[in-house]
């Protein structure tokens, strides 16, 4: 199999984009590439939303429609169906952030269960996802992670968090829909990891249904993976992990400096890349009890995954191996992998425009800070525009 430079094929990458959608993508990435503009735009957007200015239409027709599937799950169906014609599956991501009371946590649980019900008869939606802080307070996870004594109210609160996780994972198993549980800040992650391990022990009895997330910019995650592997082998259950590089680097480093503890983050981008690739290799060598969802926009890591699959003699569509990217980004990876028959899923954020804005702002800020990401998107979009003009 020749995997050389398949990600350079812009005709396949942008086959679903009309000329006007291609122009909009080019315009957006051009804007995102200008860091001061992102800062000003972010401040202006936050102000306009807080002041209730009528800007939803503008946001909807530009950045929202490029990076989000719609305002509700039904709204996302045309996007889901269109992508599936090219073999790309969807992970509906309810991207409403910053809620912090029991009523909102219950509503988030109900939404994820609704998505699983929505997905159960749709082959294009084999996977669901949720954020731990969608189901409980960050401060509570942190307190439990530190081993601090909980008040009676907090014990009840944590019991509710456990029950929300359990309800979603039980529903996922019932309908054979995998569920990815996102990772967040390191100071809340220990409590979350223990909770997800409980869910794996309970529901990953025949195969991986419940997936935890490992942020490989943390230098301790390979050791964590090895320990979890020992536990799973001893207790005879399956592991599911989504591997990502990580999304909270500045916040992690700042907090570590402020509180005077060693940062959990790798010393360099190179070290993070190595860590990610080593985790991929480790999981690929232990597929007898592991399933991998490689969440990456990195071409080298994607080529590595393809090469390892070939060396191990695996089918391109082996059900234990998935690659995932965010909707609106890295179409050159997603659609070219799908075109070769690999399992690929796009994360499709959705939710009311105002509620999804924190997510969209983070996307814009991440794109400006990831060296080469926006430049690569722009180069590919430019190449496809030229290709179409020459036809």
Protein backbone atom coordinates (compact mmCIF):
# COMPACT_ATOMS: atom_id res chain seq x y z
CA UNK A 1 0.00 0.00 0.00
CA UNK A 2 1.40 3.38 -0.96
CA UNK A 3 0.55 6.00 1.64
CA UNK A 4 2.93 8.63 0.23
CA UNK A 5 1.44 12.10 0.46
CA UNK A 6 -2.20 11.04 0.28
CA UNK A 7 -3.02 14.13 2.37
CA UNK A 8 -1.99 16.38 -0.54
CA UNK A 9 -5.01 15.30 -2.57
CA UNK A 10 -7.21 18.42 -2.38
CA UNK A 11 -9.82 17.13 -4.83
CA UNK A 12 -10.80 14.37 -2.36
CA UNK A 13 -10.25 16.59 0.71
CA UNK A 14 -12.71 19.28 -0.42
CA UNK A 15 -15.03 17.18 -2.58
CA UNK A 16 -18.06 18.18 -0.48
CA UNK A 17 -17.34 21.91 -0.55
CA UNK A 18 -19.03 24.11 -3.14
CA UNK A 19 -16.95 26.96 -4.60
CA UNK A 20 -18.60 29.43 -2.22
CA UNK A 21 -17.92 27.17 0.82
CA UNK A 22 -14.31 26.88 -0.32
CA UNK A 23 -14.05 30.69 -0.49
CA UNK A 24 -15.61 31.03 2.99
CA UNK A 25 -13.12 28.48 4.44
CA UNK A 26 -10.23 30.37 2.83
CA UNK A 27 -11.50 33.69 4.21
CA UNK A 28 -11.95 32.27 7.74
CA UNK A 29 -8.50 30.69 7.94
CA UNK A 30 -6.98 33.88 6.50
CA UNK A 31 -8.61 35.85 9.34
CA UNK A 32 -7.60 33.26 11.97
CA UNK A 33 -3.99 33.45 10.77
CA UNK A 34 -3.79 37.09 11.94
CA UNK A 35 -3.32 36.86 15.71
CA UNK A 36 -4.22 40.46 16.66
CA UNK A 37 -7.42 40.10 14.62
CA UNK A 38 -8.40 36.98 16.59
CA UNK A 39 -7.84 38.85 19.87
CA UNK A 40 -9.88 41.87 18.74
CA UNK A 41 -12.58 39.65 17.21
CA UNK A 42 -12.85 37.59 20.39
CA UNK A 43 -13.23 40.67 22.60
CA UNK A 44 -15.76 42.26 20.21
CA UNK A 45 -17.81 39.04 19.96
CA UNK A 46 -17.89 38.56 23.74
CA UNK A 47 -18.98 42.18 24.18
CA UNK A 48 -21.69 41.90 21.50
CA UNK A 49 -23.12 38.71 23.03
CA UNK A 50 -23.16 40.16 26.57
CA UNK A 51 -24.78 43.36 25.25
CA UNK A 52 -27.38 41.30 23.36
CA UNK A 53 -26.45 42.90 20.04
CA UNK A 54 -28.04 41.19 17.01
CA UNK A 55 -24.93 39.40 15.72
CA UNK A 56 -26.13 35.78 15.74
CA UNK A 57 -26.95 35.89 12.02
CA UNK A 58 -23.44 37.03 11.15
CA UNK A 59 -21.81 34.43 13.42
CA UNK A 60 -24.10 31.72 12.09
CA UNK A 61 -23.29 32.41 8.43
CA UNK A 62 -19.52 32.54 8.96
CA UNK A 63 -17.59 30.90 11.78
CA UNK A 64 -20.52 28.90 13.27
CA UNK A 65 -21.54 27.17 10.03
CA UNK A 66 -17.92 26.34 9.24
CA UNK A 67 -17.05 24.77 12.62
CA UNK A 68 -20.49 23.58 13.86
CA UNK A 69 -23.16 21.26 12.52
CA UNK A 70 -26.20 23.22 13.74
CA UNK A 71 -28.11 24.44 16.76
CA UNK A 72 -29.61 21.02 17.61
CA UNK A 73 -29.11 17.38 16.65
CA UNK A 74 -31.80 17.40 13.93
CA UNK A 75 -30.15 20.48 12.44
CA UNK A 76 -26.91 18.46 12.07
CA UNK A 77 -28.46 15.63 10.02
CA UNK A 78 -27.79 17.10 6.55
CA UNK A 79 -24.10 17.55 7.46
CA UNK A 80 -23.92 14.01 8.93
CA UNK A 81 -25.56 12.43 5.89
CA UNK A 82 -23.48 14.40 3.41
CA UNK A 83 -20.18 13.44 5.04
CA UNK A 84 -21.21 9.79 5.27
CA UNK A 85 -21.56 9.65 1.48
CA UNK A 86 -17.74 9.97 1.52
CA UNK A 87 -17.31 7.41 4.30
CA UNK A 88 -16.75 9.94 7.11
CA UNK A 89 -18.75 9.23 10.29
CA UNK A 90 -19.86 11.81 12.86
CA UNK A 91 -19.50 12.29 16.61
CA UNK A 92 -22.14 14.78 17.75
CA UNK A 93 -20.52 17.01 20.36
CA UNK A 94 -22.91 19.04 22.51
CA UNK A 95 -20.52 21.97 22.97
CA UNK A 96 -22.36 24.07 25.53
CA UNK A 97 -19.81 25.08 28.19
CA UNK A 98 -19.70 26.82 31.54
CA UNK A 99 -22.86 25.41 33.15
CA UNK A 100 -22.53 24.68 36.86
CA UNK A 101 -25.68 23.52 38.65
CA UNK A 102 -27.47 20.21 39.16
CA UNK A 103 -30.30 21.10 36.79
CA UNK A 104 -27.85 21.88 33.96
CA UNK A 105 -25.85 18.71 34.68
CA UNK A 106 -29.02 16.61 34.45
CA UNK A 107 -29.95 18.39 31.22
CA UNK A 108 -26.51 17.57 29.76
CA UNK A 109 -26.92 13.89 30.73
CA UNK A 110 -30.36 13.82 29.10
CA UNK A 111 -28.92 15.41 25.95
CA UNK A 112 -26.16 12.76 25.66
CA UNK A 113 -28.70 9.96 26.17
CA UNK A 114 -30.87 11.59 23.50
CA UNK A 115 -27.87 11.65 21.12
CA UNK A 116 -27.20 7.94 21.79
CA UNK A 117 -30.88 7.17 21.06
CA UNK A 118 -30.62 9.35 17.96
CA UNK A 119 -27.45 7.50 16.85
CA UNK A 120 -28.49 3.91 17.55
CA UNK A 121 -30.13 3.31 14.15
CA UNK A 122 -27.81 5.57 12.15
CA UNK A 123 -24.62 3.92 10.87
CA UNK A 124 -23.15 7.38 10.26
CA UNK A 125 -23.08 8.05 14.05
CA UNK A 126 -21.29 5.15 15.79
CA UNK A 127 -19.88 7.26 18.64
CA UNK A 128 -21.09 9.74 21.28
CA UNK A 129 -19.04 12.07 23.51
CA UNK A 130 -19.29 14.19 26.65
CA UNK A 131 -17.16 16.41 28.88
CA UNK A 132 -16.85 15.40 32.56
CA UNK A 133 -17.54 18.99 33.69
CA UNK A 134 -20.81 18.78 31.75
CA UNK A 135 -21.90 16.28 34.45
CA UNK A 136 -20.38 17.83 37.60
CA UNK A 137 -18.45 20.74 39.07
CA UNK A 138 -14.74 21.04 38.31
CA UNK A 139 -14.07 21.96 41.97
CA UNK A 140 -15.70 18.71 43.12
CA UNK A 141 -13.52 16.57 40.82
CA UNK A 142 -10.50 18.48 42.12
CA UNK A 143 -11.41 17.93 45.77
CA UNK A 144 -11.92 14.19 45.23
CA UNK A 145 -8.66 13.94 43.26
CA UNK A 146 -6.80 15.45 46.21
CA UNK A 147 -8.43 12.95 48.58
CA UNK A 148 -10.07 15.69 50.66
CA UNK A 149 -13.03 14.92 52.93
CA UNK A 150 -16.39 15.69 51.36
CA UNK A 151 -19.34 17.24 53.16
CA UNK A 152 -22.64 15.33 53.14
CA UNK A 153 -23.90 17.60 50.36
CA UNK A 154 -20.75 17.00 48.31
CA UNK A 155 -21.07 13.22 48.78
CA UNK A 156 -24.59 13.43 47.40
CA UNK A 157 -23.35 15.67 44.57
CA UNK A 158 -20.62 13.14 43.66
CA UNK A 159 -23.12 10.31 43.79
CA UNK A 160 -25.19 12.25 41.22
CA UNK A 161 -22.09 12.64 39.00
CA UNK A 162 -21.44 8.89 39.21
CA UNK A 163 -25.07 8.14 38.32
CA UNK A 164 -24.96 10.47 35.29
CA UNK A 165 -21.84 8.73 33.97
CA UNK A 166 -23.44 5.36 34.66
CA UNK A 167 -26.73 6.21 32.93
CA UNK A 168 -24.92 7.33 29.77
CA UNK A 169 -22.50 4.37 29.69
CA UNK A 170 -25.33 1.90 30.30
CA UNK A 171 -27.33 3.41 27.42
CA UNK A 172 -24.23 3.31 25.18
CA UNK A 173 -23.73 -0.40 25.90
CA UNK A 174 -27.43 -1.11 25.38
CA UNK A 175 -27.37 0.45 21.89
CA UNK A 176 -23.79 -0.50 20.93
CA UNK A 177 -22.74 3.14 20.53
CA UNK A 178 -19.19 3.88 21.77
CA UNK A 179 -18.91 6.81 24.18
CA UNK A 180 -15.80 9.02 24.39
CA UNK A 181 -15.26 10.85 27.67
CA UNK A 182 -13.12 13.95 27.15
CA UNK A 183 -10.12 14.89 29.30
CA UNK A 184 -9.88 18.30 30.91
CA UNK A 185 -7.49 20.09 33.30
CA UNK A 186 -4.94 17.88 35.07
CA UNK A 187 -6.12 18.97 38.54
CA UNK A 188 -9.56 17.45 37.97
CA UNK A 189 -8.43 14.46 35.92
CA UNK A 190 -7.53 11.92 38.65
CA UNK A 191 -11.10 11.74 39.95
CA UNK A 192 -12.40 11.53 36.41
CA UNK A 193 -9.92 8.79 35.45
CA UNK A 194 -11.00 6.64 38.41
CA UNK A 195 -14.64 7.13 37.52
CA UNK A 196 -14.08 6.19 33.85
CA UNK A 197 -12.08 3.10 34.90
CA UNK A 198 -15.12 2.04 36.99
CA UNK A 199 -17.28 2.44 33.88
CA UNK A 200 -14.84 0.42 31.73
CA UNK A 201 -14.82 -2.40 34.29
CA UNK A 202 -18.60 -2.44 34.27
CA UNK A 203 -19.38 -1.97 30.57
CA UNK A 204 -16.29 -2.97 28.53
CA UNK A 205 -16.84 -6.68 29.13
CA UNK A 206 -16.96 -7.84 25.48
CA UNK A 207 -15.23 -4.91 23.76
CA UNK A 208 -14.46 -1.23 24.34
CA UNK A 209 -17.69 0.80 24.60
CA UNK A 210 -16.44 3.38 27.13
CA UNK A 211 -13.35 5.37 26.10
CA UNK A 212 -11.27 7.62 28.34
CA UNK A 213 -9.09 10.39 26.85
CA UNK A 214 -5.33 10.67 27.29
CA UNK A 215 -3.76 14.09 26.70
CA UNK A 216 -0.29 13.21 25.49
CA UNK A 217 1.21 16.62 26.20
CA UNK A 218 1.24 15.26 29.76
CA UNK A 219 4.49 13.38 30.36
CA UNK A 220 2.85 10.94 32.83
CA UNK A 221 0.24 9.47 30.49
CA UNK A 222 2.25 6.54 29.06
CA UNK A 223 2.91 5.31 32.61
CA UNK A 224 -0.82 5.73 33.35
CA UNK A 225 -1.70 3.72 30.21
CA UNK A 226 0.65 0.89 31.22
CA UNK A 227 -0.86 0.74 34.73
CA UNK A 228 -4.42 0.68 33.36
CA UNK A 229 -3.38 -2.08 30.95
CA UNK A 230 -2.14 -4.24 33.86
CA UNK A 231 -5.40 -3.66 35.71
CA UNK A 232 -7.54 -4.54 32.67
CA UNK A 233 -5.58 -7.74 32.02
CA UNK A 234 -5.85 -8.80 35.67
CA UNK A 235 -9.60 -8.10 35.81
CA UNK A 236 -10.43 -9.17 32.26
CA UNK A 237 -12.06 -6.11 30.68
CA UNK A 238 -11.31 -4.03 27.59
CA UNK A 239 -9.72 -0.58 27.40
CA UNK A 240 -10.80 2.21 25.08
CA UNK A 241 -8.68 5.36 24.76
CA UNK A 242 -8.91 8.46 22.69
CA UNK A 243 -5.41 9.88 22.26
CA UNK A 244 -5.05 13.63 21.79
CA UNK A 245 -2.15 16.02 22.22
CA UNK A 246 -4.07 18.35 24.57
CA UNK A 247 -5.87 21.67 24.73
CA UNK A 248 -5.02 23.42 28.03
CA UNK A 249 -1.25 23.94 27.80
CA UNK A 250 -1.00 27.61 28.72
CA UNK A 251 -3.44 27.20 31.59
CA UNK A 252 -1.53 24.13 32.87
CA UNK A 253 1.88 25.83 32.76
CA UNK A 254 0.59 29.05 34.37
CA UNK A 255 -1.08 27.20 37.24
CA UNK A 256 1.98 25.03 37.88
CA UNK A 257 4.18 28.13 38.08
CA UNK A 258 1.72 30.01 40.24
CA UNK A 259 1.29 27.15 42.73
CA UNK A 260 4.93 26.07 42.63
CA UNK A 261 4.67 22.47 41.41
CA UNK A 262 6.39 20.89 38.36
CA UNK A 263 4.32 21.31 35.20
CA UNK A 264 2.66 18.11 33.96
CA UNK A 265 3.30 19.25 30.38
CA UNK A 266 6.09 17.84 28.18
CA UNK A 267 9.13 20.09 27.79
CA UNK A 268 8.64 20.66 24.05
CA UNK A 269 6.37 20.12 21.07
CA UNK A 270 8.82 17.45 19.88
CA UNK A 271 8.51 15.58 23.21
CA UNK A 272 4.70 15.77 22.97
CA UNK A 273 4.77 14.39 19.42
CA UNK A 274 7.01 11.52 20.52
CA UNK A 275 4.77 10.82 23.51
CA UNK A 276 1.67 10.72 21.28
CA UNK A 277 3.33 8.42 18.75
CA UNK A 278 4.66 6.13 21.48
CA UNK A 279 1.15 5.79 22.91
CA UNK A 280 -0.17 4.92 19.43
CA UNK A 281 2.52 2.22 19.09
CA UNK A 282 1.80 0.84 22.57
CA UNK A 283 -1.92 0.58 21.91
CA UNK A 284 -1.44 -0.90 18.45
CA UNK A 285 0.72 -3.64 19.98
CA UNK A 286 -2.01 -4.47 22.49
CA UNK A 287 -5.15 -4.56 20.36
CA UNK A 288 -6.17 -7.85 21.97
CA UNK A 289 -7.62 -5.78 24.82
CA UNK A 290 -7.54 -2.17 23.55
CA UNK A 291 -9.37 0.04 21.09
CA UNK A 292 -7.86 3.29 19.84
CA UNK A 293 -9.45 6.54 18.74
CA UNK A 294 -6.57 8.69 17.45
CA UNK A 295 -7.78 12.28 17.72
CA UNK A 296 -5.17 14.09 15.68
CA UNK A 297 -4.68 16.81 13.09
CA UNK A 298 -1.04 15.77 12.72
CA UNK A 299 -0.14 14.23 9.37
CA UNK A 300 2.96 12.38 10.63
CA UNK A 301 0.96 10.65 13.38
CA UNK A 302 -1.74 9.74 10.86
CA UNK A 303 0.84 8.23 8.48
CA UNK A 304 2.36 6.35 11.44
CA UNK A 305 -1.02 4.82 12.28
CA UNK A 306 -1.51 3.70 8.66
CA UNK A 307 1.98 2.20 8.55
CA UNK A 308 1.50 0.28 11.81
CA UNK A 309 -1.81 -1.12 10.58
CA UNK A 310 -0.12 -2.34 7.43
CA UNK A 311 2.80 -3.88 9.36
CA UNK A 312 0.37 -5.70 11.65
CA UNK A 313 -1.58 -7.00 8.65
CA UNK A 314 -4.81 -5.29 9.75
CA UNK A 315 -7.73 -4.39 7.51
CA UNK A 316 -8.07 -0.63 6.94
CA UNK A 317 -11.51 -0.71 8.55
CA UNK A 318 -10.53 -2.74 11.66
CA UNK A 319 -13.26 -1.85 14.16
CA UNK A 320 -10.76 -1.29 17.00
CA UNK A 321 -9.05 1.65 15.28
CA UNK A 322 -10.52 5.06 14.53
CA UNK A 323 -9.06 8.38 13.47
CA UNK A 324 -10.84 11.60 14.38
CA UNK A 325 -10.64 15.29 13.50
CA UNK A 326 -12.73 18.34 14.25
CA UNK A 327 -15.43 19.46 11.83
CA UNK A 328 -14.19 22.41 9.77
CA UNK A 329 -10.53 21.44 10.09
CA UNK A 330 -8.09 18.97 8.51
CA UNK A 331 -10.45 17.75 5.79
CA UNK A 332 -7.32 16.69 3.89
CA UNK A 333 -6.71 14.05 6.61
CA UNK A 334 -10.32 12.96 7.25
CA UNK A 335 -11.55 12.59 3.69
CA UNK A 336 -8.36 11.08 2.28
CA UNK A 337 -8.26 8.47 5.06
CA UNK A 338 -11.95 7.66 4.51
CA UNK A 339 -11.31 7.39 0.79
CA UNK A 340 -8.79 4.60 1.57
CA UNK A 341 -11.36 2.77 3.70
CA UNK A 342 -10.13 3.71 7.19
CA UNK A 343 -12.57 4.40 10.06
CA UNK A 344 -12.81 8.18 10.36
CA UNK A 345 -15.10 10.35 12.45
CA UNK A 346 -15.50 14.10 12.58
CA UNK A 347 -16.37 15.76 15.90
CA UNK A 348 -19.40 17.91 15.06
CA UNK A 349 -20.07 20.57 17.71
CA UNK A 350 -23.65 21.80 18.00
CA UNK A 351 -25.78 23.91 20.30
CA UNK A 352 -27.37 27.36 20.47
CA UNK A 353 -25.09 29.93 18.82
CA UNK A 354 -24.52 31.95 22.03
CA UNK A 355 -23.79 28.86 24.11
CA UNK A 356 -21.28 27.47 21.60
CA UNK A 357 -19.29 30.72 21.30
CA UNK A 358 -16.74 29.82 24.04
CA UNK A 359 -15.96 26.66 22.04
CA UNK A 360 -15.61 28.60 18.77
CA UNK A 361 -13.36 31.21 20.37
CA UNK A 362 -11.11 28.44 21.72
CA UNK A 363 -10.92 26.92 18.22
CA UNK A 364 -9.81 30.25 16.74
CA UNK A 365 -7.23 30.81 19.49
CA UNK A 366 -5.86 27.26 19.16
CA UNK A 367 -5.47 27.68 15.41
CA UNK A 368 -3.38 30.81 15.86
CA UNK A 369 -1.16 29.11 18.45
CA UNK A 370 -0.53 25.78 16.65
CA UNK A 371 2.45 26.47 14.42
CA UNK A 372 1.76 25.59 10.81
CA UNK A 373 -1.87 24.46 11.28
CA UNK A 374 -3.53 27.49 9.71
CA UNK A 375 -0.81 27.85 7.09
CA UNK A 376 -1.33 24.26 5.98
CA UNK A 377 -5.11 24.75 5.74
CA UNK A 378 -4.62 27.91 3.67
CA UNK A 379 -2.07 26.28 1.34
CA UNK A 380 -4.42 23.36 0.62
CA UNK A 381 -7.45 25.62 0.09
CA UNK A 382 -5.39 27.79 -2.28
CA UNK A 383 -4.28 24.71 -4.21
CA UNK A 384 -7.86 23.47 -4.58
CA UNK A 385 -9.08 26.90 -5.72
CA UNK A 386 -6.37 26.89 -8.42
CA UNK A 387 -7.20 23.31 -9.42
CA UNK A 388 -10.87 24.17 -9.91
CA UNK A 389 -10.04 27.30 -11.92
CA UNK A 390 -7.84 25.27 -14.27
CA UNK A 391 -10.64 22.79 -15.11
